[in-house]
Amino acid sequence: MKIAKKIYYGLISSALVLPALAMADNVVPPGTPFNLRSIADSITAIARFMVYIGIAVAVIFIVWGGITYMTAGGDDTKLGTAKKRIIWGIVGAAIIIGVGVIINTLKQIATGGFQGFFQF
């Protein structure tokens, strides 16, 4: 049973990572010199992908908690577990969105996107 779980988690991990590897060729074309803009674009592309995956996982937890809540049938332990899944799914989504905003703000600051506010 442990081997089956390892294979299952390995396949899930591969399915989550493969789109990022396919996207890697579009981030910086070969032979292009690196500058701050290209590095920031690469980091932004990777961060955006991770935010999308995190939001998808958070939505899955919220839906899973909702289904568990609806099928609990009055069992207090199942209701408590379902409420925790929903709450932590919402907290996780909020954290992931916050990280996305922070990364985007840092990119704008690093590349001079806030020309009106900051002069470097």
PDB file of N, CA and C in Angstrom:
ATOM      1  N   MET A   1       0.816  -1.199   0.000  1.00  0.00           N
ATOM      2  CA  MET A   1       0.000   0.000   0.000  1.00  0.00           C
ATOM      3  C   MET A   1       0.853   1.253   0.000  1.00  0.00           C
ATOM      4  N   LYS A   2       1.997   1.216   0.678  1.00  0.00           N
ATOM      5  CA  LYS A   2       2.857   2.389   0.724  1.00  0.00           C
ATOM      6  C   LYS A   2       3.436   2.696  -0.650  1.00  0.00           C
ATOM      7  N   ILE A   3       3.765   1.678  -1.421  1.00  0.00           N
ATOM      8  CA  ILE A   3       4.306   1.894  -2.763  1.00  0.00           C
ATOM      9  C   ILE A   3       3.244   2.524  -3.653  1.00  0.00           C
ATOM     10  N   ALA A   4       2.014   2.085  -3.524  1.00  0.00           N
ATOM     11  CA  ALA A   4       0.930   2.654  -4.331  1.00  0.00           C
ATOM     12  C   ALA A   4       0.737   4.135  -4.012  1.00  0.00           C
ATOM     13  N   LYS A   5       0.845   4.508  -2.745  1.00  0.00           N
ATOM     14  CA  LYS A   5       0.723   5.914  -2.364  1.00  0.00           C
ATOM     15  C   LYS A   5       1.875   6.736  -2.927  1.00  0.00           C
ATOM     16  N   LYS A   6       3.095   6.179  -2.881  1.00  0.00           N
ATOM     17  CA  LYS A   6       4.243   6.891  -3.429  1.00  0.00           C
ATOM     18  C   LYS A   6       4.092   7.095  -4.930  1.00  0.00           C
ATOM     19  N   ILE A   7       3.627   6.090  -5.615  1.00  0.00           N
ATOM     20  CA  ILE A   7       3.401   6.222  -7.062  1.00  0.00           C
ATOM     21  C   ILE A   7       2.318   7.255  -7.332  1.00  0.00           C
ATOM     22  N   TYR A   8       1.254   7.207  -6.566  1.00  0.00           N
ATOM     23  CA  TYR A   8       0.157   8.167  -6.734  1.00  0.00           C
ATOM     24  C   TYR A   8       0.642   9.603  -6.523  1.00  0.00           C
ATOM     25  N   TYR A   9       1.362   9.835  -5.424  1.00  0.00           N
ATOM     26  CA  TYR A   9       1.855  11.185  -5.148  1.00  0.00           C
ATOM     27  C   TYR A   9       2.910  11.615  -6.166  1.00  0.00           C
ATOM     28  N   GLY A  10       3.696  10.676  -6.647  1.00  0.00           N
ATOM     29  CA  GLY A  10       4.670  10.994  -7.691  1.00  0.00           C
ATOM     30  C   GLY A  10       4.002  11.420  -8.983  1.00  0.00           C
ATOM     31  N   LEU A  11       2.930  10.724  -9.363  1.00  0.00           N
ATOM     32  CA  LEU A  11       2.195  11.093 -10.582  1.00  0.00           C
ATOM     33  C   LEU A  11       1.509  12.442 -10.431  1.00  0.00           C
ATOM     34  N   ILE A  12       0.940  12.700  -9.266  1.00  0.00           N
ATOM     35  CA  ILE A  12       0.296  13.997  -9.025  1.00  0.00           C
ATOM     36  C   ILE A  12       1.340  15.112  -9.078  1.00  0.00           C
ATOM     37  N   SER A  13       2.485  14.897  -8.437  1.00  0.00           N
ATOM     38  CA  SER A  13       3.552  15.905  -8.454  1.00  0.00           C
ATOM     39  C   SER A  13       4.040  16.152  -9.878  1.00  0.00           C
ATOM     40  N   SER A  14       4.195  15.094 -10.655  1.00  0.00           N
ATOM     41  CA  SER A  14       4.631  15.247 -12.041  1.00  0.00           C
ATOM     42  C   SER A  14       3.614  16.036 -12.842  1.00  0.00           C
ATOM     43  N   ALA A  15       2.354  15.753 -12.639  1.00  0.00           N
ATOM     44  CA  ALA A  15       1.314  16.466 -13.384  1.00  0.00           C
ATOM     45  C   ALA A  15       1.303  17.950 -13.027  1.00  0.00           C
ATOM     46  N   LEU A  16       1.662  18.287 -11.801  1.00  0.00           N
ATOM     47  CA  LEU A  16       1.692  19.688 -11.402  1.00  0.00           C
ATOM     48  C   LEU A  16       2.936  20.406 -11.906  1.00  0.00           C
ATOM     49  N   VAL A  17       4.046  19.692 -12.066  1.00  0.00           N
ATOM     50  CA  VAL A  17       5.305  20.325 -12.459  1.00  0.00           C
ATOM     51  C   VAL A  17       5.461  20.394 -13.982  1.00  0.00           C
ATOM     52  N   LEU A  18       4.905  19.457 -14.720  1.00  0.00           N
ATOM     53  CA  LEU A  18       5.112  19.414 -16.160  1.00  0.00           C
ATOM     54  C   LEU A  18       4.683  20.683 -16.895  1.00  0.00           C
ATOM     55  N   PRO A  19       3.574  21.323 -16.551  1.00  0.00           N
ATOM     56  CA  PRO A  19       3.257  22.574 -17.255  1.00  0.00           C
ATOM     57  C   PRO A  19       4.317  23.652 -17.060  1.00  0.00           C
ATOM     58  N   ALA A  20       4.944  23.696 -15.906  1.00  0.00           N
ATOM     59  CA  ALA A  20       6.009  24.692 -15.678  1.00  0.00           C
ATOM     60  C   ALA A  20       7.215  24.382 -16.552  1.00  0.00           C
ATOM     61  N   LEU A  21       7.528  23.106 -16.736  1.00  0.00           N
ATOM     62  CA  LEU A  21       8.649  22.751 -17.587  1.00  0.00           C
ATOM     63  C   LEU A  21       8.351  23.066 -19.045  1.00  0.00           C
ATOM     64  N   ALA A  22       7.123  22.874 -19.465  1.00  0.00           N
ATOM     65  CA  ALA A  22       6.744  23.207 -20.833  1.00  0.00           C
ATOM     66  C   ALA A  22       6.785  24.713 -21.052  1.00  0.00           C
ATOM     67  N   MET A  23       6.494  25.471 -20.017  1.00  0.00           N
ATOM     68  CA  MET A  23       6.489  26.922 -20.105  1.00  0.00           C
ATOM     69  C   MET A  23       7.906  27.489 -20.025  1.00  0.00           C
ATOM     70  N   ALA A  24       8.886  26.685 -19.599  1.00  0.00           N
ATOM     71  CA  ALA A  24      10.234  27.181 -19.360  1.00  0.00           C
ATOM     72  C   ALA A  24      10.889  27.721 -20.623  1.00  0.00           C
ATOM     73  N   ASP A  25      10.578  27.175 -21.793  1.00  0.00           N
ATOM     74  CA  ASP A  25      11.188  27.642 -23.027  1.00  0.00           C
ATOM     75  C   ASP A  25      10.703  29.039 -23.402  1.00  0.00           C
ATOM     76  N   ASN A  26       9.511  29.405 -22.973  1.00  0.00           N
ATOM     77  CA  ASN A  26       8.961  30.710 -23.313  1.00  0.00           C
ATOM     78  C   ASN A  26       9.407  31.814 -22.359  1.00  0.00           C
ATOM     79  N   VAL A  27      10.023  31.463 -21.261  1.00  0.00           N
ATOM     80  CA  VAL A  27      10.392  32.471 -20.276  1.00  0.00           C
ATOM     81  C   VAL A  27      11.531  33.336 -20.803  1.00  0.00           C
ATOM     82  N   VAL A  28      12.664  32.748 -21.127  1.00  0.00           N
ATOM     83  CA  VAL A  28      13.806  33.490 -21.685  1.00  0.00           C
ATOM     84  C   VAL A  28      14.319  32.711 -22.891  1.00  0.00           C
ATOM     85  N   PRO A  29      14.254  33.292 -24.078  1.00  0.00           N
ATOM     86  CA  PRO A  29      14.751  32.575 -25.255  1.00  0.00           C
ATOM     87  C   PRO A  29      16.251  32.309 -25.155  1.00  0.00           C
ATOM     88  N   PRO A  30      16.709  31.194 -25.703  1.00  0.00           N
ATOM     89  CA  PRO A  30      18.145  30.890 -25.646  1.00  0.00           C
ATOM     90  C   PRO A  30      18.958  31.955 -26.370  1.00  0.00           C
ATOM     91  N   GLY A  31      20.109  32.283 -25.827  1.00  0.00           N
ATOM     92  CA  GLY A  31      20.981  33.273 -26.445  1.00  0.00           C
ATOM     93  C   GLY A  31      20.665  34.702 -26.066  1.00  0.00           C
ATOM     94  N   THR A  32      19.602  34.922 -25.295  1.00  0.00           N
ATOM     95  CA  THR A  32      19.249  36.265 -24.863  1.00  0.00           C
ATOM     96  C   THR A  32      20.067  36.617 -23.634  1.00  0.00           C
ATOM     97  N   PRO A  33      20.727  37.778 -23.639  1.00  0.00           N
ATOM     98  CA  PRO A  33      21.481  38.145 -22.441  1.00  0.00           C
ATOM     99  C   PRO A  33      20.536  38.438 -21.277  1.00  0.00           C
ATOM    100  N   PHE A  34      20.990  38.092 -20.090  1.00  0.00           N
ATOM    101  CA  PHE A  34      20.179  38.336 -18.904  1.00  0.00           C
ATOM    102  C   PHE A  34      20.292  39.796 -18.479  1.00  0.00           C
ATOM    103  N   ASN A  35      19.179  40.360 -18.133  1.00  0.00           N
ATOM    104  CA  ASN A  35      19.147  41.670 -17.498  1.00  0.00           C
ATOM    105  C   ASN A  35      18.092  41.612 -16.405  1.00  0.00           C
ATOM    106  N   LEU A  36      17.933  42.696 -15.705  1.00  0.00           N
ATOM    107  CA  LEU A  36      16.997  42.697 -14.581  1.00  0.00           C
ATOM    108  C   LEU A  36      15.574  42.420 -15.032  1.00  0.00           C
ATOM    109  N   ARG A  37      15.181  42.934 -16.181  1.00  0.00           N
ATOM    110  CA  ARG A  37      13.819  42.732 -16.693  1.00  0.00           C
ATOM    111  C   ARG A  37      13.564  41.259 -16.999  1.00  0.00           C
ATOM    112  N   SER A  38      14.529  40.569 -17.657  1.00  0.00           N
ATOM    113  CA  SER A  38      14.306  39.162 -18.009  1.00  0.00           C
ATOM    114  C   SER A  38      14.296  38.278 -16.759  1.00  0.00           C
ATOM    115  N   ILE A  39      15.126  38.595 -15.784  1.00  0.00           N
ATOM    116  CA  ILE A  39      15.108  37.829 -14.541  1.00  0.00           C
ATOM    117  C   ILE A  39      13.779  38.042 -13.815  1.00  0.00           C
ATOM    118  N   ALA A  40      13.312  39.284 -13.774  1.00  0.00           N
ATOM    119  CA  ALA A  40      12.033  39.572 -13.122  1.00  0.00           C
ATOM    120  C   ALA A  40      10.882  38.887 -13.853  1.00  0.00           C
ATOM    121  N   ASP A  41      10.941  38.845 -15.185  1.00  0.00           N
ATOM    122  CA  ASP A  41       9.888  38.163 -15.950  1.00  0.00           C
ATOM    123  C   ASP A  41       9.894  36.662 -15.688  1.00  0.00           C
ATOM    124  N   SER A  42      11.087  36.078 -15.557  1.00  0.00           N
ATOM    125  CA  SER A  42      11.181  34.648 -15.255  1.00  0.00           C
ATOM    126  C   SER A  42      10.608  34.336 -13.879  1.00  0.00           C
ATOM    127  N   ILE A  43      10.964  35.137 -12.902  1.00  0.00           N
ATOM    128  CA  ILE A  43      10.455  34.931 -11.547  1.00  0.00           C
ATOM    129  C   ILE A  43       8.951  35.127 -11.513  1.00  0.00           C
ATOM    130  N   THR A  44       8.471  36.124 -12.243  1.00  0.00           N
ATOM    131  CA  THR A  44       7.030  36.375 -12.278  1.00  0.00           C
ATOM    132  C   THR A  44       6.279  35.212 -12.915  1.00  0.00           C
ATOM    133  N   ALA A  45       6.814  34.646 -13.992  1.00  0.00           N
ATOM    134  CA  ALA A  45       6.155  33.513 -14.650  1.00  0.00           C
ATOM    135  C   ALA A  45       6.088  32.307 -13.724  1.00  0.00           C
ATOM    136  N   ILE A  46       7.169  32.029 -13.029  1.00  0.00           N
ATOM    137  CA  ILE A  46       7.188  30.893 -12.103  1.00  0.00           C
ATOM    138  C   ILE A  46       6.248  31.154 -10.922  1.00  0.00           C
ATOM    139  N   ALA A  47       6.278  32.375 -10.387  1.00  0.00           N
ATOM    140  CA  ALA A  47       5.413  32.713  -9.255  1.00  0.00           C
ATOM    141  C   ALA A  47       3.948  32.653  -9.651  1.00  0.00           C
ATOM    142  N   ARG A  48       3.626  33.141 -10.846  1.00  0.00           N
ATOM    143  CA  ARG A  48       2.237  33.105 -11.318  1.00  0.00           C
ATOM    144  C   ARG A  48       1.749  31.665 -11.415  1.00  0.00           C
ATOM    145  N   PHE A  49       2.603  30.774 -11.939  1.00  0.00           N
ATOM    146  CA  PHE A  49       2.236  29.370 -12.034  1.00  0.00           C
ATOM    147  C   PHE A  49       1.987  28.779 -10.656  1.00  0.00           C
ATOM    148  N   MET A  50       2.866  29.090  -9.695  1.00  0.00           N
ATOM    149  CA  MET A  50       2.705  28.555  -8.344  1.00  0.00           C
ATOM    150  C   MET A  50       1.446  29.112  -7.668  1.00  0.00           C
ATOM    151  N   VAL A  51       1.122  30.371  -7.941  1.00  0.00           N
ATOM    152  CA  VAL A  51      -0.103  30.955  -7.379  1.00  0.00           C
ATOM    153  C   VAL A  51      -1.321  30.241  -7.953  1.00  0.00           C
ATOM    154  N   TYR A  52      -1.316  29.963  -9.258  1.00  0.00           N
ATOM    155  CA  TYR A  52      -2.440  29.246  -9.863  1.00  0.00           C
ATOM    156  C   TYR A  52      -2.617  27.863  -9.244  1.00  0.00           C
ATOM    157  N   ILE A  53      -1.513  27.157  -9.042  1.00  0.00           N
ATOM    158  CA  ILE A  53      -1.589  25.823  -8.431  1.00  0.00           C
ATOM    159  C   ILE A  53      -2.102  25.931  -6.994  1.00  0.00           C
ATOM    160  N   GLY A  54      -1.601  26.913  -6.244  1.00  0.00           N
ATOM    161  CA  GLY A  54      -2.037  27.088  -4.859  1.00  0.00           C
ATOM    162  C   GLY A  54      -3.517  27.419  -4.753  1.00  0.00           C
ATOM    163  N   ILE A  55      -3.995  28.288  -5.635  1.00  0.00           N
ATOM    164  CA  ILE A  55      -5.418  28.631  -5.630  1.00  0.00           C
ATOM    165  C   ILE A  55      -6.260  27.405  -5.982  1.00  0.00           C
ATOM    166  N   ALA A  56      -5.791  26.614  -6.942  1.00  0.00           N
ATOM    167  CA  ALA A  56      -6.534  25.403  -7.306  1.00  0.00           C
ATOM    168  C   ALA A  56      -6.622  24.437  -6.122  1.00  0.00           C
ATOM    169  N   VAL A  57      -5.514  24.276  -5.404  1.00  0.00           N
ATOM    170  CA  VAL A  57      -5.519  23.390  -4.226  1.00  0.00           C
ATOM    171  C   VAL A  57      -6.446  23.950  -3.148  1.00  0.00           C
ATOM    172  N   ALA A  58      -6.432  25.266  -2.941  1.00  0.00           N
ATOM    173  CA  ALA A  58      -7.304  25.875  -1.933  1.00  0.00           C
ATOM    174  C   ALA A  58      -8.776  25.671  -2.299  1.00  0.00           C
ATOM    175  N   VAL A  59      -9.110  25.828  -3.573  1.00  0.00           N
ATOM    176  CA  VAL A  59     -10.497  25.618  -4.005  1.00  0.00           C
ATOM    177  C   VAL A  59     -10.894  24.158  -3.809  1.00  0.00           C
ATOM    178  N   ILE A  60      -9.987  23.240  -4.103  1.00  0.00           N
ATOM    179  CA  ILE A  60     -10.278  21.817  -3.889  1.00  0.00           C
ATOM    180  C   ILE A  60     -10.567  21.552  -2.412  1.00  0.00           C
ATOM    181  N   PHE A  61      -9.777  22.155  -1.515  1.00  0.00           N
ATOM    182  CA  PHE A  61     -10.022  21.959  -0.081  1.00  0.00           C
ATOM    183  C   PHE A  61     -11.360  22.559   0.340  1.00  0.00           C
ATOM    184  N   ILE A  62     -11.701  23.714  -0.198  1.00  0.00           N
ATOM    185  CA  ILE A  62     -12.988  24.331   0.155  1.00  0.00           C
ATOM    186  C   ILE A  62     -14.140  23.468  -0.323  1.00  0.00           C
ATOM    187  N   VAL A  63     -14.056  22.971  -1.544  1.00  0.00           N
ATOM    188  CA  VAL A  63     -15.123  22.112  -2.081  1.00  0.00           C
ATOM    189  C   VAL A  63     -15.183  20.803  -1.316  1.00  0.00           C
ATOM    190  N   TRP A  64     -14.028  20.222  -1.019  1.00  0.00           N
ATOM    191  CA  TRP A  64     -13.977  18.971  -0.255  1.00  0.00           C
ATOM    192  C   TRP A  64     -14.605  19.175   1.123  1.00  0.00           C
ATOM    193  N   GLY A  65     -14.298  20.291   1.771  1.00  0.00           N
ATOM    194  CA  GLY A  65     -14.914  20.587   3.065  1.00  0.00           C
ATOM    195  C   GLY A  65     -16.415  20.775   2.951  1.00  0.00           C
ATOM    196  N   GLY A  66     -16.858  21.432   1.878  1.00  0.00           N
ATOM    197  CA  GLY A  66     -18.298  21.627   1.669  1.00  0.00           C
ATOM    198  C   GLY A  66     -19.032  20.315   1.461  1.00  0.00           C
ATOM    199  N   ILE A  67     -18.438  19.434   0.681  1.00  0.00           N
ATOM    200  CA  ILE A  67     -19.063  18.118   0.455  1.00  0.00           C
ATOM    201  C   ILE A  67     -19.092  17.318   1.752  1.00  0.00           C
ATOM    202  N   THR A  68     -17.994  17.363   2.509  1.00  0.00           N
ATOM    203  CA  THR A  68     -17.958  16.661   3.797  1.00  0.00           C
ATOM    204  C   THR A  68     -18.993  17.236   4.755  1.00  0.00           C
ATOM    205  N   TYR A  69     -19.153  18.547   4.734  1.00  0.00           N
ATOM    206  CA  TYR A  69     -20.133  19.211   5.603  1.00  0.00           C
ATOM    207  C   TYR A  69     -21.556  18.769   5.239  1.00  0.00           C
ATOM    208  N   MET A  70     -21.847  18.695   3.942  1.00  0.00           N
ATOM    209  CA  MET A  70     -23.198  18.312   3.512  1.00  0.00           C
ATOM    210  C   MET A  70     -23.510  16.853   3.798  1.00  0.00           C
ATOM    211  N   THR A  71     -22.484  16.004   3.771  1.00  0.00           N
ATOM    212  CA  THR A  71     -22.724  14.572   3.967  1.00  0.00           C
ATOM    213  C   THR A  71     -22.425  14.113   5.399  1.00  0.00           C
ATOM    214  N   ALA A  72     -22.189  15.050   6.313  1.00  0.00           N
ATOM    215  CA  ALA A  72     -21.839  14.682   7.687  1.00  0.00           C
ATOM    216  C   ALA A  72     -22.995  13.987   8.406  1.00  0.00           C
ATOM    217  N   GLY A  73     -24.199  14.357   8.095  1.00  0.00           N
ATOM    218  CA  GLY A  73     -25.348  13.698   8.715  1.00  0.00           C
ATOM    219  C   GLY A  73     -25.459  13.950  10.206  1.00  0.00           C
ATOM    220  N   GLY A  74     -25.040  15.091  10.686  1.00  0.00           N
ATOM    221  CA  GLY A  74     -25.172  15.423  12.094  1.00  0.00           C
ATOM    222  C   GLY A  74     -24.044  14.926  12.974  1.00  0.00           C
ATOM    223  N   ASP A  75     -23.051  14.246  12.400  1.00  0.00           N
ATOM    224  CA  ASP A  75     -21.908  13.764  13.178  1.00  0.00           C
ATOM    225  C   ASP A  75     -20.999  14.950  13.498  1.00  0.00           C
ATOM    226  N   ASP A  76     -20.807  15.203  14.799  1.00  0.00           N
ATOM    227  CA  ASP A  76     -20.050  16.382  15.231  1.00  0.00           C
ATOM    228  C   ASP A  76     -18.589  16.339  14.798  1.00  0.00           C
ATOM    229  N   THR A  77     -17.969  15.179  14.796  1.00  0.00           N
ATOM    230  CA  THR A  77     -16.559  15.113  14.391  1.00  0.00           C
ATOM    231  C   THR A  77     -16.403  15.417  12.900  1.00  0.00           C
ATOM    232  N   LYS A  78     -17.328  14.892  12.083  1.00  0.00           N
ATOM    233  CA  LYS A  78     -17.267  15.180  10.648  1.00  0.00           C
ATOM    234  C   LYS A  78     -17.561  16.653  10.373  1.00  0.00           C
ATOM    235  N   LEU A  79     -18.502  17.227  11.118  1.00  0.00           N
ATOM    236  CA  LEU A  79     -18.800  18.649  10.947  1.00  0.00           C
ATOM    237  C   LEU A  79     -17.597  19.515  11.320  1.00  0.00           C
ATOM    238  N   GLY A  80     -16.937  19.158  12.405  1.00  0.00           N
ATOM    239  CA  GLY A  80     -15.749  19.906  12.817  1.00  0.00           C
ATOM    240  C   GLY A  80     -14.624  19.806  11.796  1.00  0.00           C
ATOM    241  N   THR A  81     -14.417  18.598  11.275  1.00  0.00           N
ATOM    242  CA  THR A  81     -13.393  18.403  10.253  1.00  0.00           C
ATOM    243  C   THR A  81     -13.719  19.189   8.992  1.00  0.00           C
ATOM    244  N   ALA A  82     -14.984  19.174   8.596  1.00  0.00           N
ATOM    245  CA  ALA A  82     -15.394  19.903   7.393  1.00  0.00           C
ATOM    246  C   ALA A  82     -15.208  21.410   7.578  1.00  0.00           C
ATOM    247  N   LYS A  83     -15.580  21.918   8.744  1.00  0.00           N
ATOM    248  CA  LYS A  83     -15.402  23.356   9.005  1.00  0.00           C
ATOM    249  C   LYS A  83     -13.928  23.739   8.974  1.00  0.00           C
ATOM    250  N   LYS A  84     -13.068  22.893   9.534  1.00  0.00           N
ATOM    251  CA  LYS A  84     -11.628  23.179   9.519  1.00  0.00           C
ATOM    252  C   LYS A  84     -11.089  23.200   8.091  1.00  0.00           C
ATOM    253  N   ARG A  85     -11.541  22.255   7.257  1.00  0.00           N
ATOM    254  CA  ARG A  85     -11.086  22.229   5.864  1.00  0.00           C
ATOM    255  C   ARG A  85     -11.503  23.494   5.131  1.00  0.00           C
ATOM    256  N   ILE A  86     -12.729  23.921   5.340  1.00  0.00           N
ATOM    257  CA  ILE A  86     -13.215  25.125   4.667  1.00  0.00           C
ATOM    258  C   ILE A  86     -12.436  26.350   5.147  1.00  0.00           C
ATOM    259  N   ILE A  87     -12.273  26.479   6.456  1.00  0.00           N
ATOM    260  CA  ILE A  87     -11.566  27.644   7.003  1.00  0.00           C
ATOM    261  C   ILE A  87     -10.117  27.669   6.530  1.00  0.00           C
ATOM    262  N   TRP A  88      -9.414  26.532   6.597  1.00  0.00           N
ATOM    263  CA  TRP A  88      -8.015  26.516   6.182  1.00  0.00           C
ATOM    264  C   TRP A  88      -7.867  26.659   4.675  1.00  0.00           C
ATOM    265  N   GLY A  89      -8.860  26.226   3.920  1.00  0.00           N
ATOM    266  CA  GLY A  89      -8.843  26.479   2.479  1.00  0.00           C
ATOM    267  C   GLY A  89      -8.943  27.959   2.171  1.00  0.00           C
ATOM    268  N   ILE A  90      -9.815  28.661   2.904  1.00  0.00           N
ATOM    269  CA  ILE A  90      -9.953  30.114   2.714  1.00  0.00           C
ATOM    270  C   ILE A  90      -8.691  30.836   3.172  1.00  0.00           C
ATOM    271  N   VAL A  91      -8.139  30.420   4.315  1.00  0.00           N
ATOM    272  CA  VAL A  91      -6.899  31.039   4.803  1.00  0.00           C
ATOM    273  C   VAL A  91      -5.765  30.805   3.807  1.00  0.00           C
ATOM    274  N   GLY A  92      -5.663  29.605   3.286  1.00  0.00           N
ATOM    275  CA  GLY A  92      -4.623  29.302   2.299  1.00  0.00           C
ATOM    276  C   GLY A  92      -4.774  30.138   1.039  1.00  0.00           C
ATOM    277  N   ALA A  93      -6.004  30.288   0.562  1.00  0.00           N
ATOM    278  CA  ALA A  93      -6.234  31.115  -0.631  1.00  0.00           C
ATOM    279  C   ALA A  93      -5.854  32.564  -0.366  1.00  0.00           C
ATOM    280  N   ALA A  94      -6.181  33.071   0.810  1.00  0.00           N
ATOM    281  CA  ALA A  94      -5.831  34.457   1.145  1.00  0.00           C
ATOM    282  C   ALA A  94      -4.321  34.641   1.213  1.00  0.00           C
ATOM    283  N   ILE A  95      -3.621  33.691   1.797  1.00  0.00           N
ATOM    284  CA  ILE A  95      -2.161  33.777   1.876  1.00  0.00           C
ATOM    285  C   ILE A  95      -1.547  33.732   0.482  1.00  0.00           C
ATOM    286  N   ILE A  96      -2.042  32.849  -0.353  1.00  0.00           N
ATOM    287  CA  ILE A  96      -1.492  32.717  -1.708  1.00  0.00           C
ATOM    288  C   ILE A  96      -1.736  33.984  -2.516  1.00  0.00           C
ATOM    289  N   ILE A  97      -2.920  34.554  -2.403  1.00  0.00           N
ATOM    290  CA  ILE A  97      -3.198  35.800  -3.114  1.00  0.00           C
ATOM    291  C   ILE A  97      -2.302  36.922  -2.578  1.00  0.00           C
ATOM    292  N   GLY A  98      -2.100  36.960  -1.264  1.00  0.00           N
ATOM    293  CA  GLY A  98      -1.208  37.958  -0.675  1.00  0.00           C
ATOM    294  C   GLY A  98       0.223  37.817  -1.175  1.00  0.00           C
ATOM    295  N   VAL A  99       0.707  36.594  -1.280  1.00  0.00           N
ATOM    296  CA  VAL A  99       2.052  36.359  -1.797  1.00  0.00           C
ATOM    297  C   VAL A  99       2.139  36.817  -3.250  1.00  0.00           C
ATOM    298  N   GLY A 100       1.102  36.554  -4.025  1.00  0.00           N
ATOM    299  CA  GLY A 100       1.087  37.013  -5.413  1.00  0.00           C
ATOM    300  C   GLY A 100       1.166  38.521  -5.515  1.00  0.00           C
ATOM    301  N   VAL A 101       0.449  39.212  -4.655  1.00  0.00           N
ATOM    302  CA  VAL A 101       0.479  40.682  -4.653  1.00  0.00           C
ATOM    303  C   VAL A 101       1.866  41.178  -4.242  1.00  0.00           C
ATOM    304  N   ILE A 102       2.461  40.546  -3.238  1.00  0.00           N
ATOM    305  CA  ILE A 102       3.794  40.955  -2.789  1.00  0.00           C
ATOM    306  C   ILE A 102       4.821  40.748  -3.900  1.00  0.00           C
ATOM    307  N   ILE A 103       4.781  39.605  -4.564  1.00  0.00           N
ATOM    308  CA  ILE A 103       5.740  39.335  -5.640  1.00  0.00           C
ATOM    309  C   ILE A 103       5.563  40.332  -6.779  1.00  0.00           C
ATOM    310  N   ASN A 104       4.321  40.622  -7.138  1.00  0.00           N
ATOM    311  CA  ASN A 104       4.078  41.590  -8.207  1.00  0.00           C
ATOM    312  C   ASN A 104       4.574  42.974  -7.813  1.00  0.00           C
ATOM    313  N   THR A 105       4.367  43.370  -6.570  1.00  0.00           N
ATOM    314  CA  THR A 105       4.843  44.669  -6.097  1.00  0.00           C
ATOM    315  C   THR A 105       6.364  44.732  -6.114  1.00  0.00           C
ATOM    316  N   LEU A 106       7.029  43.681  -5.648  1.00  0.00           N
ATOM    317  CA  LEU A 106       8.490  43.657  -5.668  1.00  0.00           C
ATOM    318  C   LEU A 106       9.028  43.715  -7.099  1.00  0.00           C
ATOM    319  N   LYS A 107       8.342  43.042  -8.025  1.00  0.00           N
ATOM    320  CA  LYS A 107       8.763  43.111  -9.428  1.00  0.00           C
ATOM    321  C   LYS A 107       8.642  44.537  -9.949  1.00  0.00           C
ATOM    322  N   GLN A 108       7.549  45.189  -9.634  1.00  0.00           N
ATOM    323  CA  GLN A 108       7.352  46.561 -10.098  1.00  0.00           C
ATOM    324  C   GLN A 108       8.404  47.499  -9.510  1.00  0.00           C
ATOM    325  N   ILE A 109       8.742  47.306  -8.261  1.00  0.00           N
ATOM    326  CA  ILE A 109       9.761  48.146  -7.633  1.00  0.00           C
ATOM    327  C   ILE A 109      11.133  47.871  -8.252  1.00  0.00           C
ATOM    328  N   ALA A 110      11.460  46.577  -8.453  1.00  0.00           N
ATOM    329  CA  ALA A 110      12.777  46.206  -8.977  1.00  0.00           C
ATOM    330  C   ALA A 110      12.978  46.660 -10.414  1.00  0.00           C
ATOM    331  N   THR A 111      11.930  46.649 -11.205  1.00  0.00           N
ATOM    332  CA  THR A 111      12.068  47.003 -12.618  1.00  0.00           C
ATOM    333  C   THR A 111      11.686  48.439 -12.903  1.00  0.00           C
ATOM    334  N   GLY A 112      11.368  49.217 -11.884  1.00  0.00           N
ATOM    335  CA  GLY A 112      11.033  50.616 -12.091  1.00  0.00           C
ATOM    336  C   GLY A 112       9.627  50.826 -12.599  1.00  0.00           C
ATOM    337  N   GLY A 113       8.721  49.920 -12.278  1.00  0.00           N
ATOM    338  CA  GLY A 113       7.341  50.034 -12.743  1.00  0.00           C
ATOM    339  C   GLY A 113       6.567  51.148 -12.057  1.00  0.00           C
ATOM    340  N   PHE A 114       6.999  51.539 -10.862  1.00  0.00           N
ATOM    341  CA  PHE A 114       6.336  52.613 -10.120  1.00  0.00           C
ATOM    342  C   PHE A 114       7.093  53.918 -10.314  1.00  0.00           C
ATOM    343  N   GLN A 115       7.235  54.334 -11.527  1.00  0.00           N
ATOM    344  CA  GLN A 115       8.024  55.527 -11.843  1.00  0.00           C
ATOM    345  C   GLN A 115       7.465  56.773 -11.176  1.00  0.00           C
ATOM    346  N   GLY A 116       6.149  56.837 -11.012  1.00  0.00           N
ATOM    347  CA  GLY A 116       5.562  58.012 -10.423  1.00  0.00           C
ATOM    348  C   GLY A 116       5.785  58.105  -8.925  1.00  0.00           C
ATOM    349  N   PHE A 117       5.984  56.968  -8.261  1.00  0.00           N
ATOM    350  CA  PHE A 117       6.135  56.971  -6.815  1.00  0.00           C
ATOM    351  C   PHE A 117       7.587  56.894  -6.374  1.00  0.00           C
ATOM    352  N   PHE A 118       8.386  56.103  -7.052  1.00  0.00           N
ATOM    353  CA  PHE A 118       9.771  55.888  -6.639  1.00  0.00           C
ATOM    354  C   PHE A 118      10.701  56.318  -7.766  1.00  0.00           C
ATOM    355  N   GLN A 119      11.745  56.984  -7.429  1.00  0.00           N
ATOM    356  CA  GLN A 119      12.783  57.337  -8.396  1.00  0.00           C
ATOM    357  C   GLN A 119      14.078  56.683  -7.961  1.00  0.00           C
ATOM    358  N   PHE A 120      14.558  55.742  -8.747  1.00  0.00           N
ATOM    359  CA  PHE A 120      15.799  55.049  -8.424  1.00  0.00           C
ATOM    360  C   PHE A 120      16.930  55.601  -9.257  1.00  0.00           C
TER     361      PHE A 120
END
